[in-house]
Amino acid sequence: MSSMTLSPDTYVARPRVVRPRPASDQARPLRVAPTPAPRAEVRLTRRGRFVVFVAALLLVLGAALFLGATSVATNDAGTDQPTEAVMVGEGDTLWAIASELAPDGEVRDMVATIKELNALDSAMLVAGQTIYVPVTD
């Protein structure tokens, strides 16, 4: 093995030469690895929550109007139901009139049919009123 030793007399320090960077290198920024952006947290004020609520409400109402505005009627005509006019007398009730016309046990259905034929909101009748009842055989 060989070894080498330096004595202080033989070591000569050379001056360090600093070369200026070219102009093109000075204008170019150093490349830095991108750091991930911090996750933004969404915070809504009271007004912001109100605006979001109103927007969602308008969206739901718009969808309901759009989807619910379809017609359920058909082009087919309904069947005619033969009726007869009956004059309501003093003390007559809708139940009494329906019980005379309805088969046994179907008085409630006959009351509903008479109300539907005459567009009645209630079972209240007035003496002298004319109502239409279905014709029964």
Protein backbone atom coordinates (compact mmCIF):
# COMPACT_ATOMS: atom_id res chain seq x y z
CA MET A 1 0.00 0.00 0.00
CA SER A 2 1.07 3.40 -0.67
CA SER A 3 0.35 6.44 1.34
CA MET A 4 0.62 10.05 0.61
CA THR A 5 1.29 12.85 2.95
CA LEU A 6 1.09 16.55 2.48
CA SER A 7 3.23 18.99 4.15
CA PRO A 8 2.17 22.56 4.69
CA ASP A 9 4.87 23.68 2.30
CA THR A 10 3.64 21.72 -0.68
CA TYR A 11 -0.09 22.59 -0.41
CA VAL A 12 -1.07 25.61 -2.44
CA ALA A 13 -4.60 26.91 -2.26
CA ARG A 14 -6.00 28.02 -5.52
CA PRO A 15 -8.32 30.99 -5.63
CA ARG A 16 -11.94 30.14 -6.22
CA VAL A 17 -13.22 31.37 -9.54
CA VAL A 18 -16.83 32.54 -9.58
CA ARG A 19 -18.34 32.71 -12.98
CA PRO A 20 -21.45 34.85 -13.49
CA ARG A 21 -24.56 33.03 -14.60
CA PRO A 22 -25.69 33.64 -18.14
CA ALA A 23 -28.58 36.07 -18.58
CA SER A 24 -30.92 33.31 -19.76
CA ASP A 25 -30.36 31.39 -16.49
CA GLN A 26 -31.05 34.44 -14.33
CA ALA A 27 -34.50 35.02 -15.83
CA ARG A 28 -35.54 31.40 -15.43
CA PRO A 29 -36.95 30.63 -11.98
CA LEU A 30 -35.84 27.62 -10.11
CA ARG A 31 -38.05 24.57 -10.41
CA VAL A 32 -39.74 23.79 -7.17
CA ALA A 33 -41.88 20.74 -6.60
CA PRO A 34 -45.52 21.80 -6.37
CA THR A 35 -47.00 21.61 -2.93
CA PRO A 36 -50.55 20.32 -2.65
CA ALA A 37 -53.03 23.10 -2.11
CA PRO A 38 -54.78 23.01 1.23
CA ARG A 39 -58.36 21.75 1.02
CA ALA A 40 -60.75 24.64 1.07
CA GLU A 41 -63.54 24.26 3.58
CA VAL A 42 -66.88 25.66 2.49
CA ARG A 43 -68.54 27.76 5.12
CA LEU A 44 -71.93 29.27 4.48
CA THR A 45 -73.27 32.31 6.20
CA ARG A 46 -76.90 32.56 7.25
CA ARG A 47 -77.66 34.38 4.01
CA GLY A 48 -75.81 31.72 2.00
CA ARG A 49 -77.78 28.90 3.63
CA PHE A 50 -81.00 30.80 2.90
CA VAL A 51 -80.02 31.23 -0.76
CA VAL A 52 -79.17 27.52 -1.09
CA PHE A 53 -82.48 26.59 0.57
CA VAL A 54 -84.51 28.87 -1.73
CA ALA A 55 -82.68 27.55 -4.80
CA ALA A 56 -83.38 23.94 -3.80
CA LEU A 57 -87.01 24.80 -3.07
CA LEU A 58 -87.43 26.44 -6.47
CA LEU A 59 -85.83 23.43 -8.13
CA VAL A 60 -88.23 21.05 -6.41
CA LEU A 61 -91.26 23.23 -7.19
CA GLY A 62 -90.17 23.54 -10.82
CA ALA A 63 -89.79 19.78 -11.10
CA ALA A 64 -93.21 19.25 -9.50
CA LEU A 65 -94.84 21.70 -11.91
CA PHE A 66 -93.07 20.18 -14.89
CA LEU A 67 -93.83 16.58 -13.98
CA GLY A 68 -97.24 17.18 -12.43
CA ALA A 69 -98.72 19.28 -15.22
CA THR A 70 -99.64 16.31 -17.36
CA SER A 71 -103.26 15.62 -18.18
CA VAL A 72 -104.86 12.43 -16.98
CA ALA A 73 -107.92 12.71 -19.23
CA THR A 74 -108.49 10.31 -22.11
CA ASN A 75 -109.98 10.81 -25.54
CA ASP A 76 -112.62 8.18 -24.85
CA ALA A 77 -116.02 9.43 -23.80
CA GLY A 78 -117.42 8.14 -20.54
CA THR A 79 -120.54 6.03 -20.38
CA ASP A 80 -123.81 7.85 -20.00
CA GLN A 81 -125.68 7.00 -16.87
CA PRO A 82 -129.45 7.30 -17.17
CA THR A 83 -130.83 9.61 -14.51
CA GLU A 84 -134.14 11.01 -13.44
CA ALA A 85 -134.95 14.29 -11.71
CA VAL A 86 -136.37 14.15 -8.19
CA MET A 87 -137.90 17.11 -6.33
CA VAL A 88 -136.79 17.23 -2.69
CA GLY A 89 -139.78 17.41 -0.34
CA GLU A 90 -140.13 18.83 3.15
CA GLY A 91 -138.11 16.64 5.60
CA ASP A 92 -136.42 14.56 2.87
CA THR A 93 -132.75 13.65 3.41
CA LEU A 94 -130.19 12.40 0.98
CA TRP A 95 -129.95 9.16 2.96
CA ALA A 96 -133.73 8.58 2.73
CA ILE A 97 -133.78 9.19 -1.03
CA ALA A 98 -130.74 6.92 -1.52
CA SER A 99 -132.24 4.16 0.63
CA GLU A 100 -135.37 4.09 -1.59
CA LEU A 101 -133.24 3.68 -4.72
CA ALA A 102 -130.36 1.49 -3.53
CA PRO A 103 -130.42 -2.28 -3.38
CA ASP A 104 -130.12 -3.75 0.10
CA GLY A 105 -126.92 -2.79 1.92
CA GLU A 106 -125.62 -0.33 -0.71
CA VAL A 107 -127.11 2.90 0.61
CA ARG A 108 -123.74 4.48 1.32
CA ASP A 109 -122.61 3.86 -2.30
CA MET A 110 -125.87 5.34 -3.62
CA VAL A 111 -125.38 8.47 -1.47
CA ALA A 112 -121.89 8.89 -2.95
CA THR A 113 -123.27 8.41 -6.48
CA ILE A 114 -126.01 11.02 -5.98
CA LYS A 115 -123.52 13.48 -4.50
CA GLU A 116 -121.21 12.96 -7.49
CA LEU A 117 -124.03 13.34 -10.06
CA ASN A 118 -125.18 16.63 -8.53
CA ALA A 119 -121.74 17.96 -7.50
CA LEU A 120 -122.86 18.28 -3.88
CA ASP A 121 -120.27 19.18 -1.25
CA SER A 122 -122.40 17.88 1.62
CA ALA A 123 -125.53 15.83 2.20
CA MET A 124 -127.56 18.98 2.93
CA LEU A 125 -130.70 19.28 0.82
CA VAL A 126 -133.28 22.10 0.65
CA ALA A 127 -137.00 21.59 0.15
CA GLY A 128 -137.92 22.32 -3.47
CA GLN A 129 -134.41 21.50 -4.76
CA THR A 130 -134.21 19.29 -7.85
CA ILE A 131 -131.55 16.57 -7.78
CA TYR A 132 -130.69 13.88 -10.28
CA VAL A 133 -130.62 10.25 -9.19
CA PRO A 134 -129.60 7.17 -11.17
CA VAL A 135 -132.39 5.15 -12.71
CA THR A 136 -132.69 1.71 -11.13
CA ASP A 137 -134.55 -1.17 -12.70
